[in-house]
Amino acid sequence: MTVVFIIAMSVLNLLLVDYLAPQKNADKNFLAENSAYFGAAAVEGGNPIDSELRGDGQETKFIIVDSASILNANNPLSNALPTREGLIIYKVQKGDNLSRIAANFGISLNTIFWANENLKPTLLQPGQEILILPVTGILHQVRDGETLESIAVNYNIAVDKILSANPNFNPVKFSAGSTIIIPNSKPASRSSLVSAANLPNFPGYFAIPTTGWNWGQLHYNNAVDIANACGTPTYASAEGLVVEESSYGWNQGYGKYILIEHPNGVKTKYSHTGKNEVLVGDYVVKGDLIGYIGNTGNTHGPTGCHLHFEVIGARNPFAK
């Protein structure tokens, strides 16, 4: 019995390497530590599959990936690996961080944030459950009056790509409340649908990113200017992922700048910086130092030193 178990585990580990190898950032330690988790479907006496009823009367299946799972060597190894066509509930392990989890599942960090709205990366706890999509993208909840075609238009994606990501989804019978995976997409920008005055508001979500004089006048791309001496520290207005950073060039007048995408889909841009302290891919929390006020790009005045702080997709809370 022991020999059978050892052989089964060896074969499973080889299958795991083949399964995760295309995910270029997969961590080898993750494979070793989680070989039993991916065998959740073969747990003896366990109940690895959970589900919830969708609005269309169909069940959405979840595979529970749990550290307590024990592989049963008597079960066929062909049943040991999830298909990755559905959703996975991953249970956080000691020492995990979101970047590592995202890399090992082959999805973007923002995909995890968008699927788990209340997730706080600095407060991860072992045993905490995180919803994992099979691909980078979002989980869209169908609203009244929506069709598959209208959803595709809203996300600028082909219908067949949506269908490919949802092999068990019936586009004829789906209704409000059901969910579908939209691959390689991000939350639809509401800023393109409403005027600046009607943008969504997030009271208390953003902190003022630097010290200085804020004229409070809203201008050019939903931004305010905050003036202070060059070299004044600039901080992340809210937690998020650095998605763009430039430490040189004119950049259409922005000069040096930083763009951060936040878990709620809103972005903030910090322009005319003198020096940046973050790089693309860095995850920052509210109040982290990201750079310093400068006068790069299209600036005016005696020194030109100021921060152009732009909010993309929500109201700028510092406009007076």
Protein backbone atom coordinates (compact mmCIF):
# COMPACT_ATOMS: atom_id res chain seq x y z
CA MET A 1 0.00 0.00 0.00
CA THR A 2 2.85 2.36 0.91
CA VAL A 3 4.62 1.62 -2.38
CA VAL A 4 1.44 2.34 -4.36
CA PHE A 5 1.01 5.67 -2.57
CA ILE A 6 4.62 6.74 -3.23
CA ILE A 7 4.34 5.85 -6.93
CA ALA A 8 1.04 7.70 -7.20
CA MET A 9 2.49 10.81 -5.59
CA SER A 10 5.49 10.74 -7.94
CA VAL A 11 3.25 10.52 -11.00
CA LEU A 12 1.03 13.29 -9.64
CA ASN A 13 3.98 15.61 -9.15
CA LEU A 14 5.04 15.01 -12.76
CA LEU A 15 1.52 15.82 -13.91
CA LEU A 16 1.55 18.98 -11.83
CA VAL A 17 4.76 20.14 -13.47
CA ASP A 18 3.21 19.59 -16.92
CA TYR A 19 0.01 21.30 -15.81
CA LEU A 20 1.64 24.40 -14.39
CA ALA A 21 4.69 24.65 -16.66
CA PRO A 22 2.95 26.94 -19.20
CA GLN A 23 2.41 29.41 -16.37
CA LYS A 24 5.83 30.96 -16.72
CA ASN A 25 5.95 32.42 -13.22
CA ALA A 26 5.02 29.19 -11.40
CA ASP A 27 7.01 28.76 -8.19
CA LYS A 28 8.72 25.35 -7.77
CA ASN A 29 8.17 25.53 -4.02
CA PHE A 30 4.48 26.04 -4.68
CA LEU A 31 4.39 22.77 -6.64
CA ALA A 32 6.01 20.87 -3.80
CA GLU A 33 3.87 22.41 -1.10
CA ASN A 34 0.55 22.15 -2.92
CA SER A 35 0.64 18.79 -4.71
CA ALA A 36 -1.95 17.50 -2.26
CA TYR A 37 -4.17 20.56 -2.75
CA PHE A 38 -4.51 19.98 -6.47
CA GLY A 39 -5.50 16.42 -5.67
CA ALA A 40 -8.55 17.68 -3.81
CA ALA A 41 -10.86 15.96 -6.27
CA ALA A 42 -9.45 12.62 -5.13
CA VAL A 43 -9.86 13.13 -1.40
CA GLU A 44 -11.13 10.03 0.36
CA GLY A 45 -14.21 10.79 2.43
CA GLY A 46 -13.88 14.49 1.62
CA ASN A 47 -16.22 16.91 -0.11
CA PRO A 48 -13.96 19.03 -2.33
CA ILE A 49 -16.74 20.28 -4.58
CA ASP A 50 -19.01 23.10 -3.46
CA SER A 51 -21.59 24.95 -5.50
CA GLU A 52 -24.06 27.79 -5.50
CA LEU A 53 -27.25 28.21 -7.50
CA ARG A 54 -26.99 30.83 -10.25
CA GLY A 55 -29.77 33.07 -11.46
CA ASP A 56 -30.37 30.77 -14.43
CA GLY A 57 -31.05 27.77 -12.23
CA GLN A 58 -27.69 26.19 -13.04
CA GLU A 59 -25.04 25.48 -10.45
CA THR A 60 -21.68 27.21 -10.42
CA LYS A 61 -19.10 24.63 -9.32
CA PHE A 62 -16.18 25.49 -7.08
CA ILE A 63 -13.20 23.25 -6.38
CA ILE A 64 -12.07 23.68 -2.79
CA VAL A 65 -8.27 23.68 -2.62
CA ASP A 66 -7.47 22.87 1.00
CA SER A 67 -4.22 22.12 2.80
CA ALA A 68 -6.01 19.37 4.74
CA SER A 69 -6.66 17.38 1.57
CA ILE A 70 -5.09 13.91 1.56
CA LEU A 71 -4.59 12.16 -1.74
CA ASN A 72 -6.18 8.72 -2.01
CA ALA A 73 -3.80 6.55 -4.02
CA ASN A 74 -6.60 4.10 -4.84
CA ASN A 75 -8.42 6.68 -6.95
CA PRO A 76 -7.45 7.20 -10.62
CA LEU A 77 -4.83 9.90 -11.06
CA SER A 78 -6.81 11.18 -14.03
CA ASN A 79 -9.28 12.54 -11.48
CA ALA A 80 -6.63 14.21 -9.34
CA LEU A 81 -6.29 17.48 -11.26
CA PRO A 82 -8.98 20.14 -11.69
CA THR A 83 -9.75 21.09 -15.28
CA ARG A 84 -9.16 24.81 -14.59
CA GLU A 85 -12.27 25.56 -16.60
CA GLY A 86 -14.12 26.56 -13.46
CA LEU A 87 -13.58 28.60 -10.32
CA ILE A 88 -11.31 27.52 -7.48
CA ILE A 89 -11.60 28.45 -3.83
CA TYR A 90 -7.98 28.61 -2.66
CA LYS A 91 -7.21 28.49 1.04
CA VAL A 92 -4.32 30.75 2.01
CA GLN A 93 -1.28 28.97 3.44
CA LYS A 94 1.25 30.27 5.93
CA GLY A 95 3.79 32.46 4.14
CA ASP A 96 1.56 33.13 1.12
CA ASN A 97 1.34 36.50 -0.56
CA LEU A 98 -1.00 37.52 -3.36
CA SER A 99 1.72 37.98 -5.96
CA ARG A 100 2.91 34.42 -5.43
CA ILE A 101 -0.63 33.01 -5.53
CA ALA A 102 -1.38 34.89 -8.75
CA ALA A 103 1.86 33.75 -10.39
CA ASN A 104 1.31 30.12 -9.51
CA PHE A 105 -2.22 30.08 -10.88
CA GLY A 106 -1.05 31.90 -14.01
CA ILE A 107 -3.37 34.89 -13.60
CA SER A 108 -2.84 38.60 -12.99
CA LEU A 109 -2.80 40.08 -9.51
CA ASN A 110 -5.70 42.34 -10.40
CA THR A 111 -7.78 39.31 -11.40
CA ILE A 112 -7.62 38.20 -7.77
CA PHE A 113 -8.57 41.67 -6.51
CA TRP A 114 -11.50 42.01 -8.91
CA ALA A 115 -12.90 38.61 -7.89
CA ASN A 116 -12.44 39.30 -4.16
CA GLU A 117 -13.66 42.84 -3.53
CA ASN A 118 -12.93 42.98 0.20
CA LEU A 119 -9.50 41.38 0.02
CA LYS A 120 -6.75 43.14 1.98
CA PRO A 121 -3.29 41.92 0.90
CA THR A 122 -1.65 43.09 4.10
CA LEU A 123 -4.12 41.12 6.24
CA LEU A 124 -3.91 37.65 4.66
CA GLN A 125 -4.54 34.87 7.16
CA PRO A 126 -3.88 31.13 6.82
CA GLY A 127 -7.16 29.42 6.00
CA GLN A 128 -8.64 32.53 4.38
CA GLU A 129 -10.53 31.65 1.20
CA ILE A 130 -9.80 33.40 -2.10
CA LEU A 131 -11.78 32.95 -5.30
CA ILE A 132 -9.48 32.08 -8.22
CA LEU A 133 -10.53 32.41 -11.86
CA PRO A 134 -9.15 29.96 -14.44
CA VAL A 135 -7.80 32.81 -16.58
CA THR A 136 -6.87 36.46 -16.24
CA GLY A 137 -10.05 38.49 -16.45
CA ILE A 138 -13.16 39.24 -14.43
CA LEU A 139 -16.28 37.51 -13.17
CA HIS A 140 -19.25 39.45 -14.55
CA GLN A 141 -22.68 39.30 -12.93
CA VAL A 142 -25.38 39.58 -15.56
CA ARG A 143 -27.78 42.51 -15.14
CA ASP A 144 -31.37 42.91 -16.29
CA GLY A 145 -31.64 43.41 -20.04
CA GLU A 146 -28.10 42.31 -20.85
CA THR A 147 -27.39 39.87 -23.65
CA LEU A 148 -24.21 38.03 -24.42
CA GLU A 149 -23.70 40.37 -27.37
CA SER A 150 -24.18 43.53 -25.29
CA ILE A 151 -21.76 42.23 -22.66
CA ALA A 152 -19.19 41.51 -25.37
CA VAL A 153 -19.55 45.05 -26.72
CA ASN A 154 -19.23 46.54 -23.23
CA TYR A 155 -15.94 44.74 -22.67
CA ASN A 156 -14.74 45.07 -26.28
CA ILE A 157 -14.32 41.33 -26.68
CA ALA A 158 -15.55 38.76 -29.20
CA VAL A 159 -18.53 36.62 -28.18
CA ASP A 160 -16.69 33.41 -29.06
CA LYS A 161 -13.91 34.28 -26.61
CA ILE A 162 -16.47 34.60 -23.82
CA LEU A 163 -17.99 31.26 -24.80
CA SER A 164 -14.56 29.62 -24.84
CA ALA A 165 -13.94 30.77 -21.27
CA ASN A 166 -17.36 29.44 -20.18
CA PRO A 167 -17.68 25.96 -21.76
CA ASN A 168 -20.63 24.98 -19.54
CA PHE A 169 -22.49 28.28 -19.82
CA ASN A 170 -25.78 28.38 -21.75
CA PRO A 171 -26.04 31.81 -23.47
CA VAL A 172 -29.69 31.19 -24.35
CA LYS A 173 -30.93 30.60 -20.82
CA PHE A 174 -28.73 32.92 -18.78
CA SER A 175 -30.51 35.62 -16.78
CA ALA A 176 -29.90 38.46 -14.34
CA GLY A 177 -27.83 37.29 -11.41
CA SER A 178 -25.92 34.58 -13.23
CA THR A 179 -22.17 34.98 -13.64
CA ILE A 180 -19.79 34.53 -16.56
CA ILE A 181 -16.03 34.82 -16.92
CA ILE A 182 -14.81 37.60 -19.23
CA PRO A 183 -11.24 36.63 -20.20
CA ASN A 184 -8.42 39.16 -20.50
CA SER A 185 -10.71 41.99 -19.44
CA LYS A 186 -11.00 44.43 -16.57
CA PRO A 187 -14.01 46.07 -14.92
CA ALA A 188 -15.85 48.21 -17.43
CA SER A 189 -14.94 51.86 -16.98
CA ARG A 190 -17.88 53.88 -15.81
CA SER A 191 -16.00 57.10 -16.51
CA SER A 192 -16.76 56.75 -20.22
CA LEU A 193 -20.49 56.56 -19.51
CA VAL A 194 -20.97 59.52 -17.18
CA SER A 195 -19.73 63.08 -16.86
CA ALA A 196 -17.06 64.02 -14.34
CA ALA A 197 -19.70 65.44 -12.01
CA ASN A 198 -21.47 62.08 -11.87
CA LEU A 199 -18.45 59.84 -11.42
CA PRO A 200 -18.67 57.30 -8.56
CA ASN A 201 -17.54 58.61 -5.21
CA PHE A 202 -15.44 56.72 -2.64
CA PRO A 203 -15.45 58.79 0.57
CA GLY A 204 -12.36 58.16 2.66
CA TYR A 205 -10.84 55.77 0.13
CA PHE A 206 -8.11 58.13 -1.12
CA ALA A 207 -5.61 60.05 0.99
CA ILE A 208 -4.05 63.28 -0.22
CA PRO A 209 -0.78 62.14 -1.83
CA THR A 210 1.52 64.94 -0.70
CA THR A 211 1.75 68.14 1.31
CA GLY A 212 1.53 71.62 -0.14
CA TRP A 213 -0.93 74.10 -1.59
CA ASN A 214 -3.91 72.57 -3.32
CA TRP A 215 -5.78 75.07 -5.48
CA GLY A 216 -8.63 72.57 -5.62
CA GLN A 217 -9.48 73.55 -9.17
CA LEU A 218 -10.44 70.51 -11.22
CA HIS A 219 -8.72 70.57 -14.58
CA TYR A 220 -7.39 68.41 -17.41
CA ASN A 221 -8.34 64.76 -16.96
CA ASN A 222 -10.05 65.05 -13.56
CA ALA A 223 -6.88 66.29 -11.84
CA VAL A 224 -5.79 68.82 -9.23
CA ASP A 225 -2.38 70.47 -8.83
CA ILE A 226 -0.64 70.44 -5.45
CA ALA A 227 2.32 72.83 -5.26
CA ASN A 228 5.33 72.43 -3.02
CA ALA A 229 9.12 72.44 -3.25
CA CYS A 230 10.76 69.99 -5.61
CA GLY A 231 11.83 66.95 -3.62
CA THR A 232 8.74 66.90 -1.40
CA PRO A 233 7.74 63.25 -0.79
CA THR A 234 4.75 61.85 -2.67
CA TYR A 235 2.74 58.92 -1.31
CA ALA A 236 0.30 56.34 -2.66
CA SER A 237 -3.20 57.73 -2.26
CA ALA A 238 -4.59 54.20 -1.81
CA GLU A 239 -3.34 50.64 -2.05
CA GLY A 240 -2.86 49.18 -5.49
CA LEU A 241 -0.59 47.89 -8.22
CA VAL A 242 1.87 50.10 -10.13
CA VAL A 243 0.84 49.51 -13.75
CA GLU A 244 2.85 52.29 -15.42
CA GLU A 245 5.98 54.20 -14.44
CA SER A 246 8.21 56.51 -16.44
CA SER A 247 11.40 58.08 -15.16
CA TYR A 248 12.29 59.90 -18.36
CA GLY A 249 10.74 61.69 -21.33
CA TRP A 250 8.11 64.31 -22.08
CA ASN A 251 5.21 61.83 -22.03
CA GLN A 252 2.68 64.23 -23.61
CA GLY A 253 3.49 66.85 -20.99
CA TYR A 254 3.19 64.59 -17.95
CA GLY A 255 6.96 64.27 -17.57
CA LYS A 256 7.96 61.59 -15.12
CA TYR A 257 4.88 59.88 -13.73
CA ILE A 258 3.41 56.89 -11.88
CA LEU A 259 0.08 55.18 -12.55
CA ILE A 260 -1.48 52.98 -9.85
CA GLU A 261 -4.49 50.71 -10.37
CA HIS A 262 -6.54 50.11 -7.23
CA PRO A 263 -8.61 47.05 -6.27
CA ASN A 264 -11.86 48.92 -6.99
CA GLY A 265 -10.80 49.45 -10.63
CA VAL A 266 -10.01 53.16 -10.21
CA LYS A 267 -6.57 54.46 -11.20
CA THR A 268 -4.56 57.38 -9.83
CA LYS A 269 -1.81 59.17 -11.74
CA TYR A 270 1.04 61.15 -10.17
CA SER A 271 2.76 63.40 -12.72
CA HIS A 272 5.67 65.88 -13.04
CA THR A 273 7.61 63.89 -10.44
CA GLY A 274 11.31 64.52 -10.00
CA LYS A 275 12.20 60.99 -8.94
CA ASN A 276 10.18 57.79 -8.73
CA GLU A 277 10.74 55.16 -6.05
CA VAL A 278 8.55 52.37 -7.48
CA LEU A 279 8.56 50.18 -10.56
CA VAL A 280 5.85 48.51 -12.63
CA GLY A 281 4.60 45.44 -10.78
CA ASP A 282 5.19 46.85 -7.29
CA TYR A 283 2.26 46.60 -4.91
CA VAL A 284 1.85 49.58 -2.59
CA VAL A 285 -0.41 50.35 0.32
CA LYS A 286 -1.91 53.71 1.21
CA GLY A 287 0.82 56.04 2.46
CA ASP A 288 3.78 54.24 0.89
CA LEU A 289 6.47 56.54 -0.50
CA ILE A 290 6.35 56.36 -4.31
CA GLY A 291 8.34 59.40 -5.42
CA TYR A 292 9.04 63.11 -5.06
CA ILE A 293 7.51 66.29 -6.44
CA GLY A 294 9.36 67.64 -9.46
CA ASN A 295 8.94 69.97 -12.43
CA THR A 296 9.31 67.55 -15.32
CA GLY A 297 7.13 67.76 -18.41
CA ASN A 298 4.85 70.72 -19.09
CA THR A 299 5.09 72.85 -15.93
CA HIS A 300 4.89 76.61 -15.31
CA GLY A 301 5.57 79.17 -12.60
CA PRO A 302 8.75 80.34 -10.86
CA THR A 303 9.92 76.79 -10.12
CA GLY A 304 7.23 74.66 -11.77
CA CYS A 305 7.41 72.28 -8.81
CA HIS A 306 4.04 70.62 -8.23
CA LEU A 307 2.20 67.31 -8.34
CA HIS A 308 -0.50 66.76 -10.96
CA PHE A 309 -2.81 64.26 -9.20
CA GLU A 310 -5.32 62.60 -11.49
CA VAL A 311 -8.14 60.19 -10.63
CA ILE A 312 -9.35 57.95 -13.45
CA GLY A 313 -12.78 56.38 -13.04
CA ALA A 314 -14.00 58.16 -9.89
CA ARG A 315 -14.43 61.62 -8.43
CA ASN A 316 -11.26 63.42 -7.45
CA PRO A 317 -11.83 63.90 -3.70
CA PHE A 318 -9.44 66.85 -3.50
CA ALA A 319 -11.30 69.10 -5.93
CA LYS A 320 -12.92 71.98 -4.04
